[in-house]
């Protein structure tokens, strides 16, 4: 009964957030703010304007990291802090790429990465002030790994992820498609079920589908579609088969006069 209650509350919240987001801009930062203000801190009182949201960001190798770097630029660093990065333990490229991107961005005089620069080895004081903490988790399934053996690695990854979420207690998880995010999202969902779905104690999840998914969802997207608080896509045509998604224009500018059939111009 608790499981059914949590799933219904999530889907009801997604319908409500769609109305809120439709009245606002399609910019991801405003959409994220709508979720955090209406869902994360939904209490009898309005949330304070200086409330900071502890955010966990899941990085994936390849194009997922590139897309996430662009998404991070849309988030208000003063509101979404501290930042916690999660990467697969076998991922050797995501963190160096993000660090390089931040260095190049700061060389151009931009100061929007305070507290977001990932550092896997730094003092506690530096981590709290200047850097974002990085946690590594085992992959649920490696490339070309057999499905039979992946059952055991998935269980191991899920257990490690569950322990991490319990210790860190993020208020918001932002993921954009890598397989590493699936155990993270399901762990957040399980903790919500165990806690009775209390909004004040549960972590909210925003899943941003990969830019390359034009007509269908990715495997990760299909797995987490029913249980995330907000499912964001980049192509309007996806709304025909997936009614609980929301379209944003961070990567793909959309004609405001575009029809409901989702054809792009």
C-alpha atoms as a PDB file:
ATOM      1  CA  UNK A   1       0.000   0.000   0.000  1.00  0.00           C
ATOM      2  CA  UNK A   2       2.877   2.362   0.766  1.00  0.00           C
ATOM      3  CA  UNK A   3       4.436   1.545  -2.607  1.00  0.00           C
ATOM      4  CA  UNK A   4       1.186   2.360  -4.421  1.00  0.00           C
ATOM      5  CA  UNK A   5       0.838   5.584  -2.442  1.00  0.00           C
ATOM      6  CA  UNK A   6       4.357   6.747  -3.319  1.00  0.00           C
ATOM      7  CA  UNK A   7       3.945   5.976  -7.045  1.00  0.00           C
ATOM      8  CA  UNK A   8       0.604   7.791  -7.165  1.00  0.00           C
ATOM      9  CA  UNK A   9       2.019  10.805  -5.336  1.00  0.00           C
ATOM     10  CA  UNK A  10       4.950  10.956  -7.766  1.00  0.00           C
ATOM     11  CA  UNK A  11       2.725  10.828 -10.838  1.00  0.00           C
ATOM     12  CA  UNK A  12       0.290  13.342  -9.349  1.00  0.00           C
ATOM     13  CA  UNK A  13       3.227  15.649  -8.667  1.00  0.00           C
ATOM     14  CA  UNK A  14       4.436  15.314 -12.252  1.00  0.00           C
ATOM     15  CA  UNK A  15       1.047  16.385 -13.575  1.00  0.00           C
ATOM     16  CA  UNK A  16       1.067  19.356 -11.200  1.00  0.00           C
ATOM     17  CA  UNK A  17       4.646  20.276 -12.134  1.00  0.00           C
ATOM     18  CA  UNK A  18       3.709  20.185 -15.810  1.00  0.00           C
ATOM     19  CA  UNK A  19       1.160  22.907 -15.188  1.00  0.00           C
ATOM     20  CA  UNK A  20       3.675  24.968 -13.209  1.00  0.00           C
ATOM     21  CA  UNK A  21       6.379  24.530 -15.827  1.00  0.00           C
ATOM     22  CA  UNK A  22       3.995  25.399 -18.664  1.00  0.00           C
ATOM     23  CA  UNK A  23       3.328  28.734 -17.028  1.00  0.00           C
ATOM     24  CA  UNK A  24       7.057  29.349 -16.665  1.00  0.00           C
ATOM     25  CA  UNK A  25       9.918  29.252 -19.138  1.00  0.00           C
ATOM     26  CA  UNK A  26      11.137  26.041 -20.725  1.00  0.00           C
ATOM     27  CA  UNK A  27      14.594  26.821 -19.363  1.00  0.00           C
ATOM     28  CA  UNK A  28      15.847  23.911 -17.261  1.00  0.00           C
ATOM     29  CA  UNK A  29      16.899  26.125 -14.356  1.00  0.00           C
ATOM     30  CA  UNK A  30      13.354  27.458 -13.960  1.00  0.00           C
ATOM     31  CA  UNK A  31      11.905  23.968 -14.358  1.00  0.00           C
ATOM     32  CA  UNK A  32      14.245  22.648 -11.680  1.00  0.00           C
ATOM     33  CA  UNK A  33      13.328  25.536  -9.413  1.00  0.00           C
ATOM     34  CA  UNK A  34       9.653  24.715  -9.932  1.00  0.00           C
ATOM     35  CA  UNK A  35      10.233  21.139  -8.801  1.00  0.00           C
ATOM     36  CA  UNK A  36      12.293  22.088  -5.763  1.00  0.00           C
ATOM     37  CA  UNK A  37       9.923  24.779  -4.566  1.00  0.00           C
ATOM     38  CA  UNK A  38       6.702  22.851  -5.177  1.00  0.00           C
ATOM     39  CA  UNK A  39       7.867  19.348  -4.281  1.00  0.00           C
ATOM     40  CA  UNK A  40      11.049  19.305  -2.226  1.00  0.00           C
ATOM     41  CA  UNK A  41      10.063  22.021   0.201  1.00  0.00           C
ATOM     42  CA  UNK A  42       6.292  21.733  -0.002  1.00  0.00           C
ATOM     43  CA  UNK A  43       5.157  22.513   3.540  1.00  0.00           C
ATOM     44  CA  UNK A  44       2.507  24.662   5.106  1.00  0.00           C
ATOM     45  CA  UNK A  45       4.881  27.594   4.931  1.00  0.00           C
ATOM     46  CA  UNK A  46       6.566  28.971   1.853  1.00  0.00           C
ATOM     47  CA  UNK A  47      10.256  27.985   1.611  1.00  0.00           C
ATOM     48  CA  UNK A  48      12.740  30.699   2.551  1.00  0.00           C
ATOM     49  CA  UNK A  49      14.290  32.505  -0.388  1.00  0.00           C
ATOM     50  CA  UNK A  50      17.805  31.600   0.792  1.00  0.00           C
ATOM     51  CA  UNK A  51      17.079  27.872   1.042  1.00  0.00           C
ATOM     52  CA  UNK A  52      19.899  25.815  -0.489  1.00  0.00           C
ATOM     53  CA  UNK A  53      19.184  22.500  -2.181  1.00  0.00           C
ATOM     54  CA  UNK A  54      21.730  19.732  -1.684  1.00  0.00           C
ATOM     55  CA  UNK A  55      22.038  18.244  -5.164  1.00  0.00           C
ATOM     56  CA  UNK A  56      23.545  14.975  -6.377  1.00  0.00           C
ATOM     57  CA  UNK A  57      24.594  14.888 -10.033  1.00  0.00           C
ATOM     58  CA  UNK A  58      25.214  11.609 -11.851  1.00  0.00           C
ATOM     59  CA  UNK A  59      27.903  11.772 -14.519  1.00  0.00           C
ATOM     60  CA  UNK A  60      28.345   9.290 -17.353  1.00  0.00           C
ATOM     61  CA  UNK A  61      31.124   8.845 -19.849  1.00  0.00           C
ATOM     62  CA  UNK A  62      30.963  10.171 -23.399  1.00  0.00           C
ATOM     63  CA  UNK A  63      28.214  12.475 -24.510  1.00  0.00           C
ATOM     64  CA  UNK A  64      26.351  12.261 -21.196  1.00  0.00           C
ATOM     65  CA  UNK A  65      29.073  14.268 -19.464  1.00  0.00           C
ATOM     66  CA  UNK A  66      29.077  16.862 -22.255  1.00  0.00           C
ATOM     67  CA  UNK A  67      25.328  17.336 -21.924  1.00  0.00           C
ATOM     68  CA  UNK A  68      25.519  17.519 -18.135  1.00  0.00           C
ATOM     69  CA  UNK A  69      28.165  20.261 -18.311  1.00  0.00           C
ATOM     70  CA  UNK A  70      25.743  22.313 -20.369  1.00  0.00           C
ATOM     71  CA  UNK A  71      22.911  21.619 -17.945  1.00  0.00           C
ATOM     72  CA  UNK A  72      25.021  22.669 -14.968  1.00  0.00           C
ATOM     73  CA  UNK A  73      25.432  26.116 -16.463  1.00  0.00           C
ATOM     74  CA  UNK A  74      21.663  26.595 -16.189  1.00  0.00           C
ATOM     75  CA  UNK A  75      21.531  25.941 -12.459  1.00  0.00           C
ATOM     76  CA  UNK A  76      21.889  28.745  -9.929  1.00  0.00           C
ATOM     77  CA  UNK A  77      25.037  27.955  -7.921  1.00  0.00           C
ATOM     78  CA  UNK A  78      23.762  30.049  -5.014  1.00  0.00           C
ATOM     79  CA  UNK A  79      20.635  27.931  -4.667  1.00  0.00           C
ATOM     80  CA  UNK A  80      21.805  24.444  -5.660  1.00  0.00           C
ATOM     81  CA  UNK A  81      24.596  23.726  -3.201  1.00  0.00           C
ATOM     82  CA  UNK A  82      26.439  21.772  -2.038  1.00  0.00           C
ATOM     83  CA  UNK A  83      27.023  19.684  -5.147  1.00  0.00           C
ATOM     84  CA  UNK A  84      27.844  15.982  -5.011  1.00  0.00           C
ATOM     85  CA  UNK A  85      29.050  14.156  -8.117  1.00  0.00           C
ATOM     86  CA  UNK A  86      28.553  10.419  -8.642  1.00  0.00           C
ATOM     87  CA  UNK A  87      30.532   8.514 -11.275  1.00  0.00           C
ATOM     88  CA  UNK A  88      31.208   4.868 -12.029  1.00  0.00           C
ATOM     89  CA  UNK A  89      34.385   3.500 -10.485  1.00  0.00           C
ATOM     90  CA  UNK A  90      35.623   2.452 -13.931  1.00  0.00           C
ATOM     91  CA  UNK A  91      34.943   5.890 -15.458  1.00  0.00           C
ATOM     92  CA  UNK A  92      38.305   7.590 -15.943  1.00  0.00           C
ATOM     93  CA  UNK A  93      37.224  10.404 -18.271  1.00  0.00           C
ATOM     94  CA  UNK A  94      34.198  12.244 -16.857  1.00  0.00           C
ATOM     95  CA  UNK A  95      35.850  14.026 -13.932  1.00  0.00           C
ATOM     96  CA  UNK A  96      38.982  15.141 -15.881  1.00  0.00           C
ATOM     97  CA  UNK A  97      36.777  16.412 -18.731  1.00  0.00           C
ATOM     98  CA  UNK A  98      34.609  18.395 -16.351  1.00  0.00           C
ATOM     99  CA  UNK A  99      37.657  19.830 -14.580  1.00  0.00           C
ATOM    100  CA  UNK A 100      39.194  20.845 -17.894  1.00  0.00           C
ATOM    101  CA  UNK A 101      35.968  22.470 -19.030  1.00  0.00           C
ATOM    102  CA  UNK A 102      35.725  24.447 -15.794  1.00  0.00           C
ATOM    103  CA  UNK A 103      39.336  25.639 -16.065  1.00  0.00           C
ATOM    104  CA  UNK A 104      38.791  26.844 -19.627  1.00  0.00           C
ATOM    105  CA  UNK A 105      35.542  28.540 -18.638  1.00  0.00           C
ATOM    106  CA  UNK A 106      37.201  30.320 -15.716  1.00  0.00           C
ATOM    107  CA  UNK A 107      40.087  31.421 -17.949  1.00  0.00           C
ATOM    108  CA  UNK A 108      37.498  33.423 -19.886  1.00  0.00           C
ATOM    109  CA  UNK A 109      36.549  35.274 -16.723  1.00  0.00           C
ATOM    110  CA  UNK A 110      33.416  33.308 -15.853  1.00  0.00           C
ATOM    111  CA  UNK A 111      32.899  32.644 -12.142  1.00  0.00           C
ATOM    112  CA  UNK A 112      29.913  30.340 -12.145  1.00  0.00           C
ATOM    113  CA  UNK A 113      31.635  27.181 -10.929  1.00  0.00           C
ATOM    114  CA  UNK A 114      32.257  28.084  -7.291  1.00  0.00           C
ATOM    115  CA  UNK A 115      31.610  24.954  -5.249  1.00  0.00           C
ATOM    116  CA  UNK A 116      31.100  22.816  -8.352  1.00  0.00           C
ATOM    117  CA  UNK A 117      34.669  21.995  -9.316  1.00  0.00           C
ATOM    118  CA  UNK A 118      34.953  18.244  -8.616  1.00  0.00           C
ATOM    119  CA  UNK A 119      37.863  17.142  -6.445  1.00  0.00           C
ATOM    120  CA  UNK A 120      38.391  13.532  -5.430  1.00  0.00           C
ATOM    121  CA  UNK A 121      41.323  14.297  -3.122  1.00  0.00           C
ATOM    122  CA  UNK A 122      41.194  17.501  -1.117  1.00  0.00           C
ATOM    123  CA  UNK A 123      40.971  18.533   2.496  1.00  0.00           C
ATOM    124  CA  UNK A 124      37.588  18.661   4.172  1.00  0.00           C
ATOM    125  CA  UNK A 125      37.687  22.424   4.467  1.00  0.00           C
ATOM    126  CA  UNK A 126      38.521  22.892   0.790  1.00  0.00           C
ATOM    127  CA  UNK A 127      35.789  20.470  -0.203  1.00  0.00           C
ATOM    128  CA  UNK A 128      33.184  22.400   1.752  1.00  0.00           C
ATOM    129  CA  UNK A 129      34.286  25.786   0.394  1.00  0.00           C
ATOM    130  CA  UNK A 130      35.589  25.416  -3.132  1.00  0.00           C
ATOM    131  CA  UNK A 131      35.048  21.918  -4.436  1.00  0.00           C
ATOM    132  CA  UNK A 132      32.326  19.376  -5.010  1.00  0.00           C
ATOM    133  CA  UNK A 133      32.656  15.954  -3.449  1.00  0.00           C
ATOM    134  CA  UNK A 134      33.023  13.003  -5.827  1.00  0.00           C
ATOM    135  CA  UNK A 135      31.721   9.528  -4.980  1.00  0.00           C
ATOM    136  CA  UNK A 136      32.445   6.471  -7.098  1.00  0.00           C
ATOM    137  CA  UNK A 137      30.057   3.562  -7.423  1.00  0.00           C
ATOM    138  CA  UNK A 138      30.381   0.165  -9.137  1.00  0.00           C
ATOM    139  CA  UNK A 139      28.653  -0.130 -12.487  1.00  0.00           C
ATOM    140  CA  UNK A 140      25.502  -2.196 -12.620  1.00  0.00           C
ATOM    141  CA  UNK A 141      26.615  -3.644 -15.957  1.00  0.00           C
ATOM    142  CA  UNK A 142      29.766  -3.173 -17.966  1.00  0.00           C
ATOM    143  CA  UNK A 143      29.764  -2.998 -21.747  1.00  0.00           C
ATOM    144  CA  UNK A 144      29.437  -6.492 -23.306  1.00  0.00           C
ATOM    145  CA  UNK A 145      28.880  -8.063 -19.880  1.00  0.00           C
ATOM    146  CA  UNK A 146      26.583 -11.093 -19.910  1.00  0.00           C
ATOM    147  CA  UNK A 147      23.063 -10.563 -18.600  1.00  0.00           C
ATOM    148  CA  UNK A 148      23.402 -13.446 -16.141  1.00  0.00           C
ATOM    149  CA  UNK A 149      26.450 -12.045 -14.406  1.00  0.00           C
ATOM    150  CA  UNK A 150      24.995  -8.543 -14.521  1.00  0.00           C
ATOM    151  CA  UNK A 151      22.302  -9.651 -12.043  1.00  0.00           C
ATOM    152  CA  UNK A 152      24.938  -9.946  -9.305  1.00  0.00           C
ATOM    153  CA  UNK A 153      26.795  -6.762 -10.245  1.00  0.00           C
ATOM    154  CA  UNK A 154      23.501  -4.872 -10.316  1.00  0.00           C
ATOM    155  CA  UNK A 155      22.622  -6.041  -6.806  1.00  0.00           C
ATOM    156  CA  UNK A 156      26.075  -5.048  -5.586  1.00  0.00           C
ATOM    157  CA  UNK A 157      25.802  -1.632  -7.207  1.00  0.00           C
ATOM    158  CA  UNK A 158      22.315  -1.118  -5.800  1.00  0.00           C
ATOM    159  CA  UNK A 159      23.448  -1.953  -2.260  1.00  0.00           C
ATOM    160  CA  UNK A 160      26.424   0.415  -2.447  1.00  0.00           C
ATOM    161  CA  UNK A 161      24.227   3.156  -3.874  1.00  0.00           C
ATOM    162  CA  UNK A 162      21.585   2.700  -1.203  1.00  0.00           C
ATOM    163  CA  UNK A 163      24.195   3.092   1.530  1.00  0.00           C
ATOM    164  CA  UNK A 164      25.621   6.215  -0.133  1.00  0.00           C
ATOM    165  CA  UNK A 165      22.226   7.895  -0.440  1.00  0.00           C
ATOM    166  CA  UNK A 166      21.414   7.101   3.166  1.00  0.00           C
ATOM    167  CA  UNK A 167      24.666   8.719   4.308  1.00  0.00           C
ATOM    168  CA  UNK A 168      24.652  11.734   1.994  1.00  0.00           C
ATOM    169  CA  UNK A 169      20.896  12.482   2.072  1.00  0.00           C
ATOM    170  CA  UNK A 170      20.643  14.701  -1.046  1.00  0.00           C
ATOM    171  CA  UNK A 171      17.474  16.712  -1.578  1.00  0.00           C
ATOM    172  CA  UNK A 172      17.637  16.471  -5.357  1.00  0.00           C
ATOM    173  CA  UNK A 173      19.164  14.010  -7.834  1.00  0.00           C
ATOM    174  CA  UNK A 174      19.875  15.201 -11.380  1.00  0.00           C
ATOM    175  CA  UNK A 175      20.693  12.541 -13.970  1.00  0.00           C
ATOM    176  CA  UNK A 176      20.766  12.558 -17.754  1.00  0.00           C
ATOM    177  CA  UNK A 177      20.832   8.993 -18.935  1.00  0.00           C
ATOM    178  CA  UNK A 178      23.976   6.989 -18.080  1.00  0.00           C
ATOM    179  CA  UNK A 179      23.436   3.471 -16.778  1.00  0.00           C
ATOM    180  CA  UNK A 180      25.034   4.516 -13.489  1.00  0.00           C
ATOM    181  CA  UNK A 181      21.960   6.598 -12.713  1.00  0.00           C
ATOM    182  CA  UNK A 182      19.528   3.658 -12.631  1.00  0.00           C
ATOM    183  CA  UNK A 183      20.669   2.248  -9.244  1.00  0.00           C
ATOM    184  CA  UNK A 184      20.834   5.801  -7.877  1.00  0.00           C
ATOM    185  CA  UNK A 185      17.260   6.593  -8.908  1.00  0.00           C
ATOM    186  CA  UNK A 186      15.844   3.284  -7.698  1.00  0.00           C
ATOM    187  CA  UNK A 187      17.689   3.654  -4.391  1.00  0.00           C
ATOM    188  CA  UNK A 188      16.156   7.107  -3.952  1.00  0.00           C
ATOM    189  CA  UNK A 189      12.753   5.614  -4.753  1.00  0.00           C
ATOM    190  CA  UNK A 190      13.207   2.764  -2.252  1.00  0.00           C
ATOM    191  CA  UNK A 191      14.208   5.195   0.503  1.00  0.00           C
ATOM    192  CA  UNK A 192      11.096   7.222  -0.254  1.00  0.00           C
ATOM    193  CA  UNK A 193       8.931   4.120   0.095  1.00  0.00           C
ATOM    194  CA  UNK A 194      10.602   3.165   3.374  1.00  0.00           C
ATOM    195  CA  UNK A 195      10.117   6.687   4.716  1.00  0.00           C
ATOM    196  CA  UNK A 196       6.458   6.698   3.798  1.00  0.00           C
ATOM    197  CA  UNK A 197       6.780   9.248   1.002  1.00  0.00           C
ATOM    198  CA  UNK A 198       7.219  12.191   3.369  1.00  0.00           C
ATOM    199  CA  UNK A 199       8.074  15.240   1.178  1.00  0.00           C
ATOM    200  CA  UNK A 200      10.236  16.792   3.890  1.00  0.00           C
ATOM    201  CA  UNK A 201      12.518  13.751   4.139  1.00  0.00           C
ATOM    202  CA  UNK A 202      12.557  12.343   0.608  1.00  0.00           C
ATOM    203  CA  UNK A 203      14.958  12.997  -2.224  1.00  0.00           C
ATOM    204  CA  UNK A 204      13.384  14.240  -5.458  1.00  0.00           C
ATOM    205  CA  UNK A 205      14.665  13.069  -8.838  1.00  0.00           C
ATOM    206  CA  UNK A 206      14.892  14.870 -12.185  1.00  0.00           C
ATOM    207  CA  UNK A 207      15.825  12.740 -15.178  1.00  0.00           C
ATOM    208  CA  UNK A 208      16.909  14.519 -18.365  1.00  0.00           C
ATOM    209  CA  UNK A 209      16.799  12.263 -21.403  1.00  0.00           C
ATOM    210  CA  UNK A 210      19.738  12.253 -23.785  1.00  0.00           C
ATOM    211  CA  UNK A 211      19.639  14.708 -26.673  1.00  0.00           C
ATOM    212  CA  UNK A 212      20.008  11.887 -29.196  1.00  0.00           C
ATOM    213  CA  UNK A 213      16.705  10.287 -28.160  1.00  0.00           C
ATOM    214  CA  UNK A 214      14.354  11.846 -30.706  1.00  0.00           C
ATOM    215  CA  UNK A 215      11.517   9.315 -31.070  1.00  0.00           C
ATOM    216  CA  UNK A 216      12.041   6.751 -28.311  1.00  0.00           C
ATOM    217  CA  UNK A 217      13.390   6.752 -24.778  1.00  0.00           C
ATOM    218  CA  UNK A 218      16.692   5.196 -23.822  1.00  0.00           C
ATOM    219  CA  UNK A 219      16.792   1.970 -21.801  1.00  0.00           C
ATOM    220  CA  UNK A 220      17.658   3.975 -18.680  1.00  0.00           C
ATOM    221  CA  UNK A 221      14.787   6.330 -19.443  1.00  0.00           C
ATOM    222  CA  UNK A 222      12.257   3.519 -19.830  1.00  0.00           C
ATOM    223  CA  UNK A 223      13.399   1.958 -16.555  1.00  0.00           C
ATOM    224  CA  UNK A 224      13.016   5.124 -14.481  1.00  0.00           C
ATOM    225  CA  UNK A 225      10.097   6.779 -16.317  1.00  0.00           C
ATOM    226  CA  UNK A 226       7.384   5.713 -13.809  1.00  0.00           C
ATOM    227  CA  UNK A 227       9.246   6.696 -10.619  1.00  0.00           C
ATOM    228  CA  UNK A 228      10.995  10.041 -11.204  1.00  0.00           C
ATOM    229  CA  UNK A 229       9.512  13.370 -10.127  1.00  0.00           C
ATOM    230  CA  UNK A 230      10.277  15.070 -13.423  1.00  0.00           C
ATOM    231  CA  UNK A 231      11.182  13.533 -16.777  1.00  0.00           C
ATOM    232  CA  UNK A 232      12.617  16.071 -19.221  1.00  0.00           C
ATOM    233  CA  UNK A 233      13.094  15.518 -22.958  1.00  0.00           C
ATOM    234  CA  UNK A 234      14.451  17.725 -25.730  1.00  0.00           C
ATOM    235  CA  UNK A 235      12.176  16.755 -28.626  1.00  0.00           C
ATOM    236  CA  UNK A 236       8.431  17.549 -28.597  1.00  0.00           C
ATOM    237  CA  UNK A 237       7.503  14.448 -30.596  1.00  0.00           C
ATOM    238  CA  UNK A 238       8.251  12.305 -27.521  1.00  0.00           C
ATOM    239  CA  UNK A 239       5.206  13.742 -25.772  1.00  0.00           C
ATOM    240  CA  UNK A 240       2.907  11.752 -28.049  1.00  0.00           C
ATOM    241  CA  UNK A 241       3.940   8.370 -26.624  1.00  0.00           C
ATOM    242  CA  UNK A 242       5.058   9.537 -23.190  1.00  0.00           C
ATOM    243  CA  UNK A 243       2.479  11.949 -21.741  1.00  0.00           C
ATOM    244  CA  UNK A 244       4.294  12.543 -18.431  1.00  0.00           C
ATOM    245  CA  UNK A 245       7.414  14.067 -19.994  1.00  0.00           C
ATOM    246  CA  UNK A 246       8.238  17.753 -20.214  1.00  0.00           C
ATOM    247  CA  UNK A 247      10.059  19.453 -23.066  1.00  0.00           C
ATOM    248  CA  UNK A 248      12.891  21.920 -22.485  1.00  0.00           C
ATOM    249  CA  UNK A 249      14.917  23.939 -24.971  1.00  0.00           C
ATOM    250  CA  UNK A 250      18.366  23.959 -23.361  1.00  0.00           C
ATOM    251  CA  UNK A 251      19.842  22.258 -26.433  1.00  0.00           C
ATOM    252  CA  UNK A 252      17.082  22.443 -29.051  1.00  0.00           C
ATOM    253  CA  UNK A 253      15.293  25.793 -29.565  1.00  0.00           C
ATOM    254  CA  UNK A 254      11.596  25.219 -30.204  1.00  0.00           C
ATOM    255  CA  UNK A 255       9.165  27.355 -32.131  1.00  0.00           C
ATOM    256  CA  UNK A 256       6.590  28.621 -29.643  1.00  0.00           C
ATOM    257  CA  UNK A 257       3.934  28.266 -32.311  1.00  0.00           C
ATOM    258  CA  UNK A 258       4.831  24.627 -32.794  1.00  0.00           C
ATOM    259  CA  UNK A 259       1.869  22.343 -32.961  1.00  0.00           C
ATOM    260  CA  UNK A 260       1.034  19.478 -30.657  1.00  0.00           C
ATOM    261  CA  UNK A 261       2.168  16.919 -33.187  1.00  0.00           C
ATOM    262  CA  UNK A 262       5.751  17.641 -32.150  1.00  0.00           C
ATOM    263  CA  UNK A 263       7.141  18.479 -35.587  1.00  0.00           C
ATOM    264  CA  UNK A 264      10.210  20.683 -35.301  1.00  0.00           C
ATOM    265  CA  UNK A 265      10.869  23.655 -37.553  1.00  0.00           C
END
